[in-house]
């Protein structure tokens, strides 16, 4: 009976990560595909699975392309000015804008993995991402901002630490993030070193 239980648990161990990943991909696919389902069904007269996803991807590419042209800059400036006058919307918009910009775009913030000495007595170190090197605005010239993602979670903490306790990690930022979020169980991918996130 113990052997059967062992094999059962091993089966869960092999299947669970694949099953969860496939299920999340399915949920995202279904959500995005359903965004334009009614409109496309009305226009075409039939429902084609996946067409909504293709249209959404195409629209996002188109918006990204237009957003990078000179034509869109005045509209972006006007939109930011309008949002800036509404206090609650300004806070929400700027927070999400900064968050998305931290992961993609020209102003990515999670691209400098570092190892921080958090306890010199026990020589305890923690992996994180250097997000700001100039903290003179809060009168901290000898400190930097380091973000520490939590394991198995979509959250983290920002620490202000002395510069001398931070040293760069010469690794692919995506690999470091995966290592931290998986609580170290994902291991390191030697092929992933020195690539951009």
N, C-alpha and C. Protein backbone atom coordinates (compact mmCIF):
# COMPACT_ATOMS: atom_id res chain seq x y z
N UNK A 1 0.82 -1.20 0.00
CA UNK A 1 0.00 0.00 0.00
C UNK A 1 0.86 1.26 0.00
N UNK A 2 1.99 1.21 0.76
CA UNK A 2 2.89 2.36 0.82
C UNK A 2 3.48 2.65 -0.56
N UNK A 3 3.80 1.59 -1.30
CA UNK A 3 4.37 1.76 -2.65
C UNK A 3 3.37 2.44 -3.56
N UNK A 4 2.10 2.04 -3.48
CA UNK A 4 1.06 2.65 -4.30
C UNK A 4 0.91 4.13 -3.98
N UNK A 5 0.94 4.46 -2.68
CA UNK A 5 0.84 5.86 -2.26
C UNK A 5 2.05 6.64 -2.77
N UNK A 6 3.24 6.03 -2.70
CA UNK A 6 4.46 6.66 -3.19
C UNK A 6 4.35 6.95 -4.69
N UNK A 7 3.89 5.96 -5.46
CA UNK A 7 3.74 6.15 -6.91
C UNK A 7 2.68 7.20 -7.22
N UNK A 8 1.61 7.20 -6.42
CA UNK A 8 0.55 8.20 -6.59
C UNK A 8 1.11 9.62 -6.40
N UNK A 9 1.88 9.80 -5.31
CA UNK A 9 2.48 11.12 -5.04
C UNK A 9 3.49 11.50 -6.11
N UNK A 10 4.24 10.52 -6.61
CA UNK A 10 5.19 10.79 -7.70
C UNK A 10 4.44 11.21 -8.97
N UNK A 11 3.30 10.57 -9.21
CA UNK A 11 2.48 10.95 -10.37
C UNK A 11 2.00 12.38 -10.27
N UNK A 12 1.56 12.77 -9.07
CA UNK A 12 1.13 14.15 -8.84
C UNK A 12 2.30 15.11 -9.07
N UNK A 13 3.48 14.72 -8.56
CA UNK A 13 4.67 15.55 -8.71
C UNK A 13 5.02 15.79 -10.18
N UNK A 14 4.83 14.78 -11.02
CA UNK A 14 5.14 14.92 -12.45
C UNK A 14 4.05 15.68 -13.20
N UNK A 15 2.80 15.40 -12.85
CA UNK A 15 1.67 15.96 -13.61
C UNK A 15 1.28 17.36 -13.17
N UNK A 16 1.35 17.65 -11.85
CA UNK A 16 0.84 18.93 -11.32
C UNK A 16 1.44 20.16 -12.01
N UNK A 17 2.77 20.30 -12.11
CA UNK A 17 3.31 21.51 -12.76
C UNK A 17 2.85 21.66 -14.22
N UNK A 18 2.80 20.54 -14.94
CA UNK A 18 2.35 20.57 -16.34
C UNK A 18 0.88 20.95 -16.39
N UNK A 19 0.08 20.30 -15.52
CA UNK A 19 -1.36 20.57 -15.50
C UNK A 19 -1.68 22.01 -15.15
N UNK A 20 -1.02 22.55 -14.13
CA UNK A 20 -1.26 23.94 -13.72
C UNK A 20 -0.86 24.90 -14.83
N UNK A 21 0.30 24.66 -15.45
CA UNK A 21 0.77 25.52 -16.55
C UNK A 21 -0.21 25.51 -17.71
N UNK A 22 -0.63 24.31 -18.12
CA UNK A 22 -1.57 24.18 -19.24
C UNK A 22 -2.89 24.86 -18.89
N UNK A 23 -3.35 24.69 -17.65
CA UNK A 23 -4.62 25.29 -17.23
C UNK A 23 -4.55 26.81 -17.24
N UNK A 24 -3.45 27.39 -16.77
CA UNK A 24 -3.28 28.85 -16.79
C UNK A 24 -3.24 29.37 -18.22
N UNK A 25 -2.51 28.67 -19.09
CA UNK A 25 -2.46 29.07 -20.51
C UNK A 25 -3.86 29.01 -21.12
N UNK A 26 -4.61 27.95 -20.79
CA UNK A 26 -5.98 27.80 -21.29
C UNK A 26 -6.86 28.95 -20.81
N UNK A 27 -6.78 29.30 -19.50
CA UNK A 27 -7.59 30.39 -18.96
C UNK A 27 -7.26 31.73 -19.62
N UNK A 28 -5.97 32.00 -19.81
CA UNK A 28 -5.56 33.25 -20.48
C UNK A 28 -6.05 33.26 -21.92
N UNK A 29 -5.88 32.12 -22.62
CA UNK A 29 -6.34 32.02 -24.01
C UNK A 29 -7.84 32.27 -24.08
N UNK A 30 -8.60 31.61 -23.20
CA UNK A 30 -10.06 31.75 -23.22
C UNK A 30 -10.50 33.18 -22.91
N UNK A 31 -9.85 33.80 -21.92
CA UNK A 31 -10.19 35.17 -21.54
C UNK A 31 -9.93 36.13 -22.70
N UNK A 32 -8.73 36.05 -23.29
CA UNK A 32 -8.38 36.97 -24.39
C UNK A 32 -9.24 36.68 -25.61
N UNK A 33 -9.45 35.42 -25.91
CA UNK A 33 -10.26 35.06 -27.09
C UNK A 33 -11.70 35.54 -26.94
N UNK A 34 -12.23 35.53 -25.71
CA UNK A 34 -13.62 35.96 -25.48
C UNK A 34 -13.81 37.47 -25.45
N UNK A 35 -12.71 38.24 -25.40
CA UNK A 35 -12.82 39.70 -25.37
C UNK A 35 -13.58 40.23 -26.59
N UNK A 36 -13.28 39.67 -27.77
CA UNK A 36 -13.90 40.14 -29.01
C UNK A 36 -14.82 39.10 -29.64
N UNK A 37 -15.15 38.05 -28.89
CA UNK A 37 -15.93 36.94 -29.44
C UNK A 37 -17.25 37.41 -30.05
N UNK A 38 -18.05 38.16 -29.28
CA UNK A 38 -19.36 38.59 -29.76
C UNK A 38 -19.26 39.50 -30.99
N UNK A 39 -18.32 40.43 -30.96
CA UNK A 39 -18.13 41.36 -32.08
C UNK A 39 -17.72 40.61 -33.35
N UNK A 40 -16.74 39.70 -33.22
CA UNK A 40 -16.28 38.95 -34.39
C UNK A 40 -17.36 38.00 -34.90
N UNK A 41 -18.11 37.40 -33.99
CA UNK A 41 -19.18 36.48 -34.39
C UNK A 41 -20.27 37.25 -35.15
N UNK A 42 -20.53 38.47 -34.70
CA UNK A 42 -21.54 39.30 -35.36
C UNK A 42 -21.06 39.74 -36.75
N UNK A 43 -19.77 40.08 -36.85
CA UNK A 43 -19.21 40.52 -38.13
C UNK A 43 -19.10 39.38 -39.15
N UNK A 44 -18.61 38.23 -38.68
CA UNK A 44 -18.35 37.10 -39.59
C UNK A 44 -19.51 36.12 -39.73
N UNK A 45 -20.38 36.11 -38.74
CA UNK A 45 -21.51 35.18 -38.78
C UNK A 45 -21.18 33.81 -38.22
N UNK A 46 -19.90 33.54 -37.94
CA UNK A 46 -19.49 32.26 -37.34
C UNK A 46 -18.45 32.52 -36.26
N UNK A 47 -18.31 31.54 -35.36
CA UNK A 47 -17.29 31.65 -34.32
C UNK A 47 -16.09 30.79 -34.69
N UNK A 48 -14.91 31.42 -34.74
CA UNK A 48 -13.67 30.69 -35.04
C UNK A 48 -12.79 30.76 -33.78
N UNK A 49 -12.60 29.62 -33.08
CA UNK A 49 -11.77 29.63 -31.86
C UNK A 49 -10.36 30.14 -32.15
N UNK A 50 -9.89 31.06 -31.31
CA UNK A 50 -8.54 31.60 -31.46
C UNK A 50 -8.47 32.89 -32.26
N UNK A 51 -9.53 33.21 -33.02
CA UNK A 51 -9.51 34.41 -33.85
C UNK A 51 -9.47 35.67 -32.98
N UNK A 52 -10.17 35.65 -31.86
CA UNK A 52 -10.15 36.79 -30.94
C UNK A 52 -8.76 37.06 -30.42
N UNK A 53 -8.03 35.98 -30.08
CA UNK A 53 -6.65 36.10 -29.61
C UNK A 53 -5.76 36.72 -30.68
N UNK A 54 -5.90 36.25 -31.92
CA UNK A 54 -5.10 36.76 -33.03
C UNK A 54 -5.38 38.25 -33.25
N UNK A 55 -6.65 38.63 -33.19
CA UNK A 55 -7.04 40.04 -33.39
C UNK A 55 -6.49 40.91 -32.26
N UNK A 56 -6.57 40.42 -31.00
CA UNK A 56 -6.05 41.19 -29.86
C UNK A 56 -4.54 41.37 -29.99
N UNK A 57 -3.82 40.32 -30.36
CA UNK A 57 -2.36 40.43 -30.54
C UNK A 57 -2.05 41.43 -31.65
N UNK A 58 -2.77 41.34 -32.75
CA UNK A 58 -2.57 42.27 -33.86
C UNK A 58 -2.84 43.71 -33.43
N UNK A 59 -3.93 43.93 -32.67
CA UNK A 59 -4.27 45.28 -32.19
C UNK A 59 -3.20 45.82 -31.24
N UNK A 60 -2.67 44.96 -30.36
CA UNK A 60 -1.61 45.40 -29.45
C UNK A 60 -0.34 45.77 -30.21
N UNK A 61 0.00 44.99 -31.23
CA UNK A 61 1.17 45.32 -32.06
C UNK A 61 0.94 46.65 -32.77
N UNK A 62 -0.26 46.83 -33.30
CA UNK A 62 -0.61 48.08 -34.00
C UNK A 62 -0.54 49.28 -33.05
N UNK A 63 -1.10 49.13 -31.84
CA UNK A 63 -1.05 50.22 -30.85
C UNK A 63 0.40 50.52 -30.47
N UNK A 64 1.22 49.48 -30.29
CA UNK A 64 2.64 49.67 -29.98
C UNK A 64 3.37 50.39 -31.08
N UNK A 65 3.06 50.03 -32.32
CA UNK A 65 3.69 50.68 -33.48
C UNK A 65 3.28 52.14 -33.57
N UNK A 66 1.98 52.41 -33.43
CA UNK A 66 1.48 53.79 -33.49
C UNK A 66 2.01 54.60 -32.31
N UNK A 67 2.09 53.96 -31.13
CA UNK A 67 2.58 54.64 -29.93
C UNK A 67 4.02 55.09 -30.03
N UNK A 68 4.79 54.47 -30.90
CA UNK A 68 6.19 54.85 -31.07
C UNK A 68 6.40 55.91 -32.15
N UNK A 69 5.33 56.33 -32.80
CA UNK A 69 5.46 57.35 -33.84
C UNK A 69 5.26 58.74 -33.28
N UNK A 70 5.64 59.74 -34.04
CA UNK A 70 5.50 61.14 -33.64
C UNK A 70 4.04 61.53 -33.51
N UNK A 71 3.17 60.91 -34.31
CA UNK A 71 1.74 61.24 -34.31
C UNK A 71 1.11 60.99 -32.94
N UNK A 72 1.52 59.91 -32.28
CA UNK A 72 0.88 59.52 -31.03
C UNK A 72 1.37 60.31 -29.82
N UNK A 73 2.54 60.93 -29.91
CA UNK A 73 3.12 61.62 -28.74
C UNK A 73 2.23 62.73 -28.19
N UNK A 74 1.64 63.59 -29.04
CA UNK A 74 0.75 64.62 -28.47
C UNK A 74 -0.47 64.03 -27.74
N UNK A 75 -1.02 62.92 -28.27
CA UNK A 75 -2.16 62.27 -27.63
C UNK A 75 -1.76 61.66 -26.28
N UNK A 76 -0.56 61.05 -26.23
CA UNK A 76 -0.07 60.49 -24.97
C UNK A 76 0.13 61.59 -23.93
N UNK A 77 0.70 62.72 -24.38
CA UNK A 77 0.94 63.85 -23.46
C UNK A 77 -0.39 64.41 -22.95
N UNK A 78 -1.37 64.54 -23.84
CA UNK A 78 -2.70 65.05 -23.46
C UNK A 78 -3.37 64.09 -22.47
N UNK A 79 -3.30 62.79 -22.75
CA UNK A 79 -3.90 61.78 -21.87
C UNK A 79 -3.26 61.84 -20.48
N UNK A 80 -1.92 61.94 -20.43
CA UNK A 80 -1.23 62.00 -19.14
C UNK A 80 -1.58 63.28 -18.39
N UNK A 81 -1.77 64.39 -19.12
CA UNK A 81 -2.15 65.65 -18.49
C UNK A 81 -3.54 65.55 -17.87
N UNK A 82 -4.47 64.93 -18.61
CA UNK A 82 -5.84 64.76 -18.10
C UNK A 82 -5.85 63.86 -16.87
N UNK A 83 -5.14 62.71 -16.97
CA UNK A 83 -5.06 61.77 -15.84
C UNK A 83 -4.40 62.45 -14.64
N UNK A 84 -3.39 63.29 -14.89
CA UNK A 84 -2.66 63.97 -13.83
C UNK A 84 -3.50 64.92 -13.01
N UNK A 85 -4.63 65.35 -13.55
CA UNK A 85 -5.51 66.28 -12.83
C UNK A 85 -6.54 65.58 -11.94
N UNK A 86 -6.66 64.26 -12.10
CA UNK A 86 -7.61 63.49 -11.29
C UNK A 86 -6.80 62.67 -10.29
N UNK A 87 -6.75 63.10 -9.01
CA UNK A 87 -5.84 62.49 -8.02
C UNK A 87 -5.85 60.97 -7.94
N UNK A 88 -7.01 60.34 -7.77
CA UNK A 88 -7.06 58.88 -7.62
C UNK A 88 -6.61 58.17 -8.90
N UNK A 89 -7.10 58.63 -10.06
CA UNK A 89 -6.69 58.03 -11.33
C UNK A 89 -5.20 58.20 -11.58
N UNK A 90 -4.65 59.34 -11.17
CA UNK A 90 -3.22 59.61 -11.35
C UNK A 90 -2.39 58.57 -10.60
N UNK A 91 -2.77 58.30 -9.36
CA UNK A 91 -2.03 57.33 -8.54
C UNK A 91 -2.12 55.93 -9.16
N UNK A 92 -3.33 55.51 -9.55
CA UNK A 92 -3.54 54.18 -10.13
C UNK A 92 -2.79 54.05 -11.45
N UNK A 93 -2.95 55.05 -12.33
CA UNK A 93 -2.31 55.00 -13.65
C UNK A 93 -0.79 54.98 -13.53
N UNK A 94 -0.23 55.87 -12.72
CA UNK A 94 1.23 55.94 -12.62
C UNK A 94 1.80 54.67 -12.00
N UNK A 95 1.09 54.10 -11.02
CA UNK A 95 1.58 52.86 -10.39
C UNK A 95 1.63 51.71 -11.40
N UNK A 96 0.53 51.53 -12.15
CA UNK A 96 0.51 50.44 -13.15
C UNK A 96 1.45 50.73 -14.32
N UNK A 97 1.54 51.99 -14.73
CA UNK A 97 2.43 52.37 -15.82
C UNK A 97 3.88 52.06 -15.44
N UNK A 98 4.27 52.42 -14.21
CA UNK A 98 5.63 52.16 -13.74
C UNK A 98 5.88 50.66 -13.58
N UNK A 99 4.87 49.92 -13.11
CA UNK A 99 5.02 48.48 -12.93
C UNK A 99 5.25 47.78 -14.27
N UNK A 100 4.40 48.10 -15.27
CA UNK A 100 4.57 47.48 -16.58
C UNK A 100 5.88 47.91 -17.24
N UNK A 101 6.27 49.18 -17.06
CA UNK A 101 7.52 49.68 -17.62
C UNK A 101 8.72 48.99 -16.99
N UNK A 102 8.58 48.56 -15.73
CA UNK A 102 9.68 47.89 -15.03
C UNK A 102 9.97 46.53 -15.65
N UNK A 103 8.96 45.88 -16.25
CA UNK A 103 9.14 44.56 -16.84
C UNK A 103 9.45 44.60 -18.33
N UNK A 104 8.84 45.54 -19.07
CA UNK A 104 9.06 45.64 -20.51
C UNK A 104 9.30 47.09 -20.88
N UNK A 105 9.78 47.31 -22.08
CA UNK A 105 10.00 48.67 -22.56
C UNK A 105 11.42 49.13 -22.33
N UNK A 106 11.63 50.43 -22.58
CA UNK A 106 12.97 50.99 -22.53
C UNK A 106 13.47 51.20 -21.12
N UNK A 107 12.57 51.34 -20.15
CA UNK A 107 12.96 51.67 -18.78
C UNK A 107 12.82 50.46 -17.85
N UNK A 108 13.23 49.29 -18.32
CA UNK A 108 13.13 48.09 -17.49
C UNK A 108 13.95 48.24 -16.21
N UNK A 109 13.39 47.80 -15.10
CA UNK A 109 14.07 47.94 -13.81
C UNK A 109 14.61 46.62 -13.28
N UNK A 110 14.03 45.49 -13.69
CA UNK A 110 14.48 44.22 -13.16
C UNK A 110 15.52 43.58 -14.07
N UNK A 111 16.54 44.36 -14.43
CA UNK A 111 17.57 43.82 -15.33
C UNK A 111 18.96 43.89 -14.69
N UNK A 112 19.02 44.20 -13.38
CA UNK A 112 20.30 44.26 -12.68
C UNK A 112 20.23 43.38 -11.44
N UNK A 113 20.43 42.07 -11.59
CA UNK A 113 20.39 41.20 -10.42
C UNK A 113 21.61 41.47 -9.52
N UNK A 114 21.37 41.44 -8.21
CA UNK A 114 22.45 41.69 -7.24
C UNK A 114 22.33 40.73 -6.07
N UNK A 115 23.43 40.58 -5.38
CA UNK A 115 23.50 39.79 -4.17
C UNK A 115 23.77 40.77 -3.03
N UNK A 116 22.88 40.79 -2.02
CA UNK A 116 22.98 41.78 -0.95
C UNK A 116 23.32 41.09 0.37
N UNK A 117 24.32 41.62 1.05
CA UNK A 117 24.70 41.13 2.37
C UNK A 117 23.71 41.73 3.37
N UNK A 118 22.75 40.94 3.83
CA UNK A 118 21.72 41.45 4.73
C UNK A 118 22.06 41.26 6.21
N UNK A 119 22.98 40.35 6.51
CA UNK A 119 23.41 40.15 7.89
C UNK A 119 24.91 39.82 7.90
N UNK A 120 25.75 40.85 8.15
CA UNK A 120 27.20 40.64 8.13
C UNK A 120 27.70 39.65 9.17
N UNK A 121 27.01 39.51 10.30
CA UNK A 121 27.46 38.61 11.38
C UNK A 121 27.39 37.15 10.92
N UNK A 122 26.25 36.77 10.32
CA UNK A 122 26.10 35.38 9.86
C UNK A 122 26.43 35.23 8.38
N UNK A 123 26.87 36.32 7.75
CA UNK A 123 27.21 36.34 6.32
C UNK A 123 26.01 35.92 5.46
N UNK A 124 24.79 36.32 5.88
CA UNK A 124 23.56 35.99 5.18
C UNK A 124 23.38 36.93 4.00
N UNK A 125 23.18 36.36 2.81
CA UNK A 125 23.00 37.17 1.60
C UNK A 125 21.66 36.86 0.96
N UNK A 126 21.15 37.82 0.18
CA UNK A 126 19.84 37.67 -0.45
C UNK A 126 19.92 38.17 -1.89
N UNK A 127 19.30 37.42 -2.81
CA UNK A 127 19.25 37.83 -4.21
C UNK A 127 18.12 38.82 -4.43
N UNK A 128 18.37 39.83 -5.24
CA UNK A 128 17.36 40.83 -5.56
C UNK A 128 17.70 41.55 -6.85
N UNK A 129 17.04 42.68 -7.08
CA UNK A 129 17.26 43.46 -8.29
C UNK A 129 17.47 44.92 -7.92
N UNK A 130 18.58 45.48 -8.38
CA UNK A 130 18.88 46.89 -8.16
C UNK A 130 17.91 47.71 -9.00
N UNK A 131 17.09 48.54 -8.36
CA UNK A 131 16.08 49.31 -9.10
C UNK A 131 16.39 50.80 -9.16
N UNK A 132 17.18 51.29 -8.20
CA UNK A 132 17.54 52.72 -8.22
C UNK A 132 18.88 52.92 -7.54
N UNK A 133 19.81 53.56 -8.26
CA UNK A 133 21.14 53.79 -7.70
C UNK A 133 21.29 55.18 -7.11
N UNK A 134 20.46 56.12 -7.52
CA UNK A 134 20.55 57.50 -7.03
C UNK A 134 19.39 57.80 -6.09
N UNK A 135 19.67 57.81 -4.79
CA UNK A 135 18.64 58.08 -3.78
C UNK A 135 18.88 59.43 -3.10
N UNK A 136 19.52 60.35 -3.82
CA UNK A 136 19.80 61.67 -3.25
C UNK A 136 18.51 62.43 -2.96
N UNK A 137 17.42 62.09 -3.64
CA UNK A 137 16.13 62.75 -3.41
C UNK A 137 15.62 62.53 -1.98
N UNK A 138 16.02 61.41 -1.36
CA UNK A 138 15.64 61.16 0.04
C UNK A 138 16.88 61.30 0.94
N UNK A 139 17.89 62.01 0.44
CA UNK A 139 19.11 62.32 1.18
C UNK A 139 19.86 61.05 1.62
N UNK A 140 19.91 60.07 0.74
CA UNK A 140 20.65 58.83 0.99
C UNK A 140 21.64 58.62 -0.15
N UNK A 141 22.80 59.27 -0.05
CA UNK A 141 23.77 59.22 -1.15
C UNK A 141 24.59 57.94 -1.17
N UNK A 142 24.70 57.27 -0.04
CA UNK A 142 25.51 56.05 0.04
C UNK A 142 24.66 54.77 0.04
N UNK A 143 23.38 54.92 -0.33
CA UNK A 143 22.50 53.75 -0.36
C UNK A 143 21.84 53.60 -1.72
N UNK A 144 21.33 52.41 -1.99
CA UNK A 144 20.64 52.10 -3.24
C UNK A 144 19.34 51.37 -2.92
N UNK A 145 18.43 51.31 -3.89
CA UNK A 145 17.17 50.59 -3.71
C UNK A 145 17.27 49.21 -4.36
N UNK A 146 16.95 48.19 -3.60
CA UNK A 146 16.99 46.81 -4.10
C UNK A 146 15.64 46.17 -3.85
N UNK A 147 15.08 45.57 -4.90
CA UNK A 147 13.78 44.88 -4.80
C UNK A 147 14.02 43.39 -4.62
N UNK A 148 13.36 42.81 -3.61
CA UNK A 148 13.48 41.39 -3.34
C UNK A 148 12.14 40.71 -3.60
N UNK A 149 11.99 39.98 -4.72
CA UNK A 149 10.73 39.26 -4.97
C UNK A 149 10.56 38.14 -3.95
N UNK A 150 9.30 37.84 -3.63
CA UNK A 150 9.00 36.72 -2.73
C UNK A 150 8.94 35.41 -3.52
N UNK A 151 9.24 34.33 -2.86
CA UNK A 151 9.13 33.01 -3.50
C UNK A 151 7.68 32.58 -3.56
N UNK A 152 7.29 31.94 -4.65
CA UNK A 152 5.94 31.42 -4.88
C UNK A 152 4.88 32.48 -4.65
N UNK A 153 5.13 33.68 -5.13
CA UNK A 153 4.22 34.78 -4.91
C UNK A 153 4.49 35.87 -5.94
N UNK A 154 3.50 36.73 -6.18
CA UNK A 154 3.69 37.87 -7.07
C UNK A 154 3.81 39.14 -6.24
N UNK A 155 4.69 39.10 -5.26
CA UNK A 155 4.91 40.26 -4.42
C UNK A 155 6.38 40.30 -4.04
N UNK A 156 6.76 41.33 -3.32
CA UNK A 156 8.15 41.46 -2.91
C UNK A 156 8.30 42.64 -1.98
N UNK A 157 9.54 42.95 -1.60
CA UNK A 157 9.82 44.06 -0.72
C UNK A 157 10.94 44.90 -1.30
N UNK A 158 10.88 46.20 -1.05
CA UNK A 158 11.93 47.11 -1.48
C UNK A 158 12.75 47.50 -0.26
N UNK A 159 14.07 47.27 -0.32
CA UNK A 159 14.97 47.61 0.77
C UNK A 159 15.91 48.72 0.32
N UNK A 160 16.23 49.63 1.22
CA UNK A 160 17.24 50.64 0.98
C UNK A 160 18.47 50.17 1.73
N UNK A 161 19.56 49.85 0.99
CA UNK A 161 20.72 49.22 1.61
C UNK A 161 22.01 49.97 1.25
N UNK A 162 23.03 49.86 2.11
CA UNK A 162 24.31 50.51 1.79
C UNK A 162 24.92 49.93 0.51
N UNK A 163 25.50 50.81 -0.32
CA UNK A 163 26.07 50.39 -1.61
C UNK A 163 27.13 49.30 -1.44
N UNK A 164 27.95 49.41 -0.39
CA UNK A 164 29.04 48.46 -0.22
C UNK A 164 28.56 47.05 0.12
N UNK A 165 27.28 46.89 0.46
CA UNK A 165 26.75 45.57 0.76
C UNK A 165 26.07 44.93 -0.46
N UNK A 166 26.15 45.61 -1.61
CA UNK A 166 25.50 45.13 -2.84
C UNK A 166 26.57 44.81 -3.87
N UNK A 167 26.49 43.62 -4.45
CA UNK A 167 27.40 43.32 -5.55
C UNK A 167 26.63 42.70 -6.70
N UNK A 168 26.98 43.11 -7.94
CA UNK A 168 26.26 42.61 -9.12
C UNK A 168 26.41 41.10 -9.30
N UNK A 169 25.39 40.51 -9.90
CA UNK A 169 25.41 39.09 -10.23
C UNK A 169 25.41 39.00 -11.75
N UNK A 170 26.45 38.42 -12.33
CA UNK A 170 26.58 38.35 -13.78
C UNK A 170 25.77 37.17 -14.32
N UNK A 171 24.45 37.34 -14.32
CA UNK A 171 23.55 36.29 -14.80
C UNK A 171 22.38 36.91 -15.52
N UNK A 172 21.69 36.10 -16.29
CA UNK A 172 20.48 36.52 -16.97
C UNK A 172 19.42 36.89 -15.93
N UNK A 173 18.87 38.14 -15.96
CA UNK A 173 17.88 38.54 -14.98
C UNK A 173 16.66 37.62 -14.89
N UNK A 174 16.23 37.09 -16.03
CA UNK A 174 15.07 36.17 -16.03
C UNK A 174 15.38 34.90 -15.26
N UNK A 175 16.63 34.41 -15.36
CA UNK A 175 17.03 33.22 -14.62
C UNK A 175 17.06 33.49 -13.12
N UNK A 176 17.55 34.68 -12.74
CA UNK A 176 17.61 35.04 -11.32
C UNK A 176 16.20 35.15 -10.76
N UNK A 177 15.29 35.81 -11.52
CA UNK A 177 13.90 35.95 -11.08
C UNK A 177 13.25 34.57 -10.90
N UNK A 178 13.47 33.68 -11.87
CA UNK A 178 12.91 32.32 -11.79
C UNK A 178 13.45 31.59 -10.57
N UNK A 179 14.75 31.74 -10.31
CA UNK A 179 15.39 31.09 -9.16
C UNK A 179 14.78 31.59 -7.85
N UNK A 180 14.57 32.92 -7.74
CA UNK A 180 14.02 33.49 -6.51
C UNK A 180 12.57 33.07 -6.33
N UNK A 181 11.74 33.24 -7.38
CA UNK A 181 10.31 32.96 -7.28
C UNK A 181 10.06 31.48 -6.99
N UNK A 182 10.94 30.61 -7.48
CA UNK A 182 10.76 29.17 -7.22
C UNK A 182 11.40 28.74 -5.90
N UNK A 183 11.83 29.71 -5.10
CA UNK A 183 12.49 29.44 -3.81
C UNK A 183 13.77 28.64 -3.99
N UNK A 184 14.41 28.78 -5.15
CA UNK A 184 15.69 28.12 -5.41
C UNK A 184 15.58 26.72 -5.97
N UNK A 185 14.36 26.19 -6.06
CA UNK A 185 14.23 24.80 -6.55
C UNK A 185 14.34 24.70 -8.06
N UNK A 186 14.19 25.82 -8.78
CA UNK A 186 14.27 25.77 -10.24
C UNK A 186 15.70 25.54 -10.72
N UNK A 187 16.67 25.85 -9.87
CA UNK A 187 18.07 25.69 -10.26
C UNK A 187 18.49 26.76 -11.26
N UNK A 188 19.68 26.61 -11.80
CA UNK A 188 20.22 27.59 -12.75
C UNK A 188 20.29 26.99 -14.14
N UNK A 189 20.01 27.78 -15.15
CA UNK A 189 20.15 27.37 -16.54
C UNK A 189 21.41 28.03 -17.07
N UNK A 190 22.51 27.27 -17.20
CA UNK A 190 23.77 27.87 -17.65
C UNK A 190 23.68 28.48 -19.04
N UNK A 191 22.75 27.98 -19.87
CA UNK A 191 22.59 28.53 -21.23
C UNK A 191 21.93 29.90 -21.20
N UNK A 192 21.25 30.25 -20.08
CA UNK A 192 20.51 31.50 -20.01
C UNK A 192 21.32 32.69 -19.56
N UNK A 193 22.61 32.51 -19.27
CA UNK A 193 23.43 33.60 -18.74
C UNK A 193 23.66 34.70 -19.76
N UNK A 194 23.78 35.92 -19.21
CA UNK A 194 24.14 37.10 -19.99
C UNK A 194 23.19 37.42 -21.13
N UNK A 195 21.92 37.15 -20.95
CA UNK A 195 20.91 37.54 -21.94
C UNK A 195 19.99 38.54 -21.29
N UNK A 196 19.35 39.35 -22.11
CA UNK A 196 18.42 40.34 -21.57
C UNK A 196 17.11 39.67 -21.20
N UNK A 197 16.41 40.29 -20.24
CA UNK A 197 15.10 39.79 -19.79
C UNK A 197 14.09 39.94 -20.90
